[in-house]
Amino acid sequence: MTPYRYLETVRINRAREFLEQGMMPAEAALRTGFSDQSHFTNYFNRVIGLTPGVYREIFLEREEQDGK
């Protein structure tokens, strides 16, 4: 694994945590150091297999179901 790939993996994992907490994808992108939301979305989708918005929604729906 190259140093750049390692850094990207660390950033994606931190972004996942933010999204799981309900943070908006644009904010997660900025807080994890991606230059723009488009780059973040493309990379996140390639690594995780879902867009950041869809990933976030999964956790929001799960929270709603647990709260009912």
N, C-alpha and C. Protein backbone atom coordinates (compact mmCIF):
# COMPACT_ATOMS: atom_id res chain seq x y z
N MET A 1 0.85 -1.17 0.00
CA MET A 1 0.00 0.00 0.00
C MET A 1 0.90 1.24 0.00
N THR A 2 0.61 2.14 -0.89
CA THR A 2 1.40 3.37 -0.95
C THR A 2 1.01 4.30 0.20
N PRO A 3 1.89 5.24 0.55
CA PRO A 3 1.54 6.19 1.61
C PRO A 3 0.27 6.99 1.29
N TYR A 4 0.09 7.36 0.03
CA TYR A 4 -1.11 8.11 -0.35
C TYR A 4 -2.36 7.26 -0.17
N ARG A 5 -2.30 6.01 -0.57
CA ARG A 5 -3.45 5.11 -0.43
C ARG A 5 -3.78 4.91 1.05
N TYR A 6 -2.74 4.78 1.88
CA TYR A 6 -2.95 4.65 3.32
C TYR A 6 -3.67 5.88 3.87
N LEU A 7 -3.19 7.06 3.49
CA LEU A 7 -3.82 8.31 3.95
C LEU A 7 -5.28 8.37 3.51
N GLU A 8 -5.55 8.03 2.28
CA GLU A 8 -6.93 8.04 1.78
C GLU A 8 -7.80 7.06 2.57
N THR A 9 -7.27 5.91 2.92
CA THR A 9 -8.02 4.92 3.69
C THR A 9 -8.34 5.45 5.09
N VAL A 10 -7.37 6.08 5.70
CA VAL A 10 -7.60 6.68 7.02
C VAL A 10 -8.67 7.76 6.93
N ARG A 11 -8.60 8.57 5.90
CA ARG A 11 -9.58 9.65 5.72
C ARG A 11 -10.98 9.10 5.46
N ILE A 12 -11.08 8.06 4.66
CA ILE A 12 -12.38 7.45 4.37
C ILE A 12 -12.97 6.85 5.64
N ASN A 13 -12.15 6.19 6.43
CA ASN A 13 -12.65 5.60 7.68
C ASN A 13 -13.16 6.67 8.63
N ARG A 14 -12.47 7.79 8.70
CA ARG A 14 -12.93 8.90 9.56
C ARG A 14 -14.22 9.49 8.99
N ALA A 15 -14.30 9.61 7.68
CA ALA A 15 -15.52 10.12 7.05
C ALA A 15 -16.69 9.19 7.33
N ARG A 16 -16.46 7.89 7.32
CA ARG A 16 -17.52 6.93 7.64
C ARG A 16 -18.07 7.20 9.04
N GLU A 17 -17.18 7.44 9.98
CA GLU A 17 -17.61 7.74 11.35
C GLU A 17 -18.49 8.99 11.39
N PHE A 18 -18.06 10.02 10.68
CA PHE A 18 -18.85 11.26 10.63
C PHE A 18 -20.22 11.02 10.03
N LEU A 19 -20.27 10.28 8.92
CA LEU A 19 -21.54 10.01 8.25
C LEU A 19 -22.45 9.17 9.12
N GLU A 20 -21.88 8.22 9.85
CA GLU A 20 -22.68 7.38 10.74
C GLU A 20 -23.30 8.20 11.87
N GLN A 21 -22.68 9.32 12.20
CA GLN A 21 -23.21 10.22 13.23
C GLN A 21 -24.23 11.20 12.66
N GLY A 22 -24.44 11.16 11.34
CA GLY A 22 -25.44 12.01 10.72
C GLY A 22 -24.91 13.26 10.06
N MET A 23 -23.59 13.42 9.99
CA MET A 23 -23.01 14.60 9.37
C MET A 23 -23.30 14.61 7.87
N MET A 24 -23.51 15.78 7.33
CA MET A 24 -23.74 15.91 5.88
C MET A 24 -22.46 15.55 5.13
N PRO A 25 -22.58 14.92 3.95
CA PRO A 25 -21.40 14.52 3.18
C PRO A 25 -20.42 15.66 2.87
N ALA A 26 -20.94 16.83 2.56
CA ALA A 26 -20.05 17.96 2.25
C ALA A 26 -19.20 18.33 3.46
N GLU A 27 -19.79 18.31 4.63
CA GLU A 27 -19.05 18.62 5.85
C GLU A 27 -18.03 17.52 6.15
N ALA A 28 -18.41 16.27 5.97
CA ALA A 28 -17.48 15.15 6.18
C ALA A 28 -16.30 15.26 5.22
N ALA A 29 -16.56 15.65 3.99
CA ALA A 29 -15.49 15.82 3.00
C ALA A 29 -14.50 16.89 3.46
N LEU A 30 -15.02 18.01 3.91
CA LEU A 30 -14.15 19.10 4.36
C LEU A 30 -13.35 18.71 5.60
N ARG A 31 -14.00 18.08 6.54
CA ARG A 31 -13.33 17.72 7.80
C ARG A 31 -12.29 16.63 7.63
N THR A 32 -12.39 15.86 6.58
CA THR A 32 -11.41 14.79 6.37
C THR A 32 -10.37 15.16 5.31
N GLY A 33 -10.39 16.40 4.86
CA GLY A 33 -9.32 16.90 4.01
C GLY A 33 -9.46 16.67 2.52
N PHE A 34 -10.64 16.29 2.04
CA PHE A 34 -10.82 16.15 0.60
C PHE A 34 -10.98 17.53 -0.01
N SER A 35 -10.43 17.70 -1.18
CA SER A 35 -10.42 19.03 -1.81
C SER A 35 -11.82 19.50 -2.20
N ASP A 36 -12.69 18.58 -2.54
CA ASP A 36 -14.07 18.96 -2.85
C ASP A 36 -14.97 17.74 -2.67
N GLN A 37 -16.27 18.00 -2.66
CA GLN A 37 -17.22 16.92 -2.42
C GLN A 37 -17.23 15.91 -3.56
N SER A 38 -16.99 16.36 -4.77
CA SER A 38 -16.99 15.45 -5.91
C SER A 38 -15.87 14.41 -5.78
N HIS A 39 -14.69 14.87 -5.46
CA HIS A 39 -13.56 13.95 -5.26
C HIS A 39 -13.86 12.98 -4.13
N PHE A 40 -14.40 13.49 -3.04
CA PHE A 40 -14.78 12.66 -1.89
C PHE A 40 -15.81 11.62 -2.29
N THR A 41 -16.86 12.04 -2.98
CA THR A 41 -17.93 11.12 -3.38
C THR A 41 -17.40 10.02 -4.29
N ASN A 42 -16.60 10.39 -5.27
CA ASN A 42 -16.06 9.40 -6.19
C ASN A 42 -15.17 8.39 -5.47
N TYR A 43 -14.30 8.89 -4.61
CA TYR A 43 -13.39 7.99 -3.90
C TYR A 43 -14.15 7.12 -2.90
N PHE A 44 -15.07 7.72 -2.16
CA PHE A 44 -15.87 6.98 -1.18
C PHE A 44 -16.64 5.86 -1.88
N ASN A 45 -17.26 6.17 -2.99
CA ASN A 45 -18.04 5.19 -3.75
C ASN A 45 -17.14 4.05 -4.24
N ARG A 46 -15.95 4.38 -4.69
CA ARG A 46 -15.02 3.37 -5.18
C ARG A 46 -14.57 2.44 -4.05
N VAL A 47 -14.32 2.99 -2.86
CA VAL A 47 -13.82 2.20 -1.74
C VAL A 47 -14.94 1.45 -1.02
N ILE A 48 -16.05 2.13 -0.73
CA ILE A 48 -17.13 1.57 0.07
C ILE A 48 -18.20 0.89 -0.78
N GLY A 49 -18.40 1.38 -1.98
CA GLY A 49 -19.43 0.81 -2.86
C GLY A 49 -20.76 1.51 -2.77
N LEU A 50 -20.82 2.59 -2.00
CA LEU A 50 -22.02 3.42 -1.85
C LEU A 50 -21.59 4.87 -1.88
N THR A 51 -22.50 5.74 -2.28
CA THR A 51 -22.19 7.16 -2.18
C THR A 51 -22.28 7.57 -0.70
N PRO A 52 -21.61 8.65 -0.32
CA PRO A 52 -21.67 9.09 1.08
C PRO A 52 -23.11 9.37 1.55
N GLY A 53 -23.92 9.93 0.68
CA GLY A 53 -25.31 10.23 1.06
C GLY A 53 -26.11 8.98 1.36
N VAL A 54 -25.96 7.97 0.53
CA VAL A 54 -26.67 6.70 0.75
C VAL A 54 -26.15 6.03 2.02
N TYR A 55 -24.84 6.05 2.22
CA TYR A 55 -24.24 5.47 3.42
C TYR A 55 -24.82 6.15 4.66
N ARG A 56 -24.90 7.47 4.64
CA ARG A 56 -25.44 8.24 5.77
C ARG A 56 -26.90 7.88 6.01
N GLU A 57 -27.68 7.78 4.95
CA GLU A 57 -29.11 7.47 5.08
C GLU A 57 -29.35 6.12 5.73
N ILE A 58 -28.50 5.16 5.45
CA ILE A 58 -28.63 3.83 6.06
C ILE A 58 -28.60 3.96 7.58
N PHE A 59 -27.69 4.76 8.09
CA PHE A 59 -27.57 4.91 9.54
C PHE A 59 -28.69 5.78 10.12
N LEU A 60 -29.14 6.76 9.36
CA LEU A 60 -30.26 7.58 9.84
C LEU A 60 -31.53 6.75 9.93
N GLU A 61 -31.76 5.90 8.93
CA GLU A 61 -32.94 5.02 8.95
C GLU A 61 -32.85 4.03 10.10
N ARG A 62 -31.68 3.50 10.33
CA ARG A 62 -31.49 2.55 11.42
C ARG A 62 -31.78 3.21 12.76
N GLU A 63 -31.33 4.45 12.92
CA GLU A 63 -31.60 5.20 14.16
C GLU A 63 -33.09 5.41 14.35
N GLU A 64 -33.78 5.76 13.27
CA GLU A 64 -35.23 5.98 13.35
C GLU A 64 -35.94 4.69 13.74
N GLN A 65 -35.53 3.57 13.19
CA GLN A 65 -36.16 2.29 13.50
C GLN A 65 -35.88 1.89 14.96
N ASP A 66 -34.69 2.17 15.44
CA ASP A 66 -34.35 1.85 16.83
C ASP A 66 -35.10 2.75 17.80
N GLY A 67 -35.42 3.96 17.38
CA GLY A 67 -36.12 4.91 18.24
C GLY A 67 -37.62 4.69 18.34
N LYS A 68 -38.16 3.88 17.44
CA LYS A 68 -39.61 3.65 17.43
C LYS A 68 -40.01 2.55 18.36
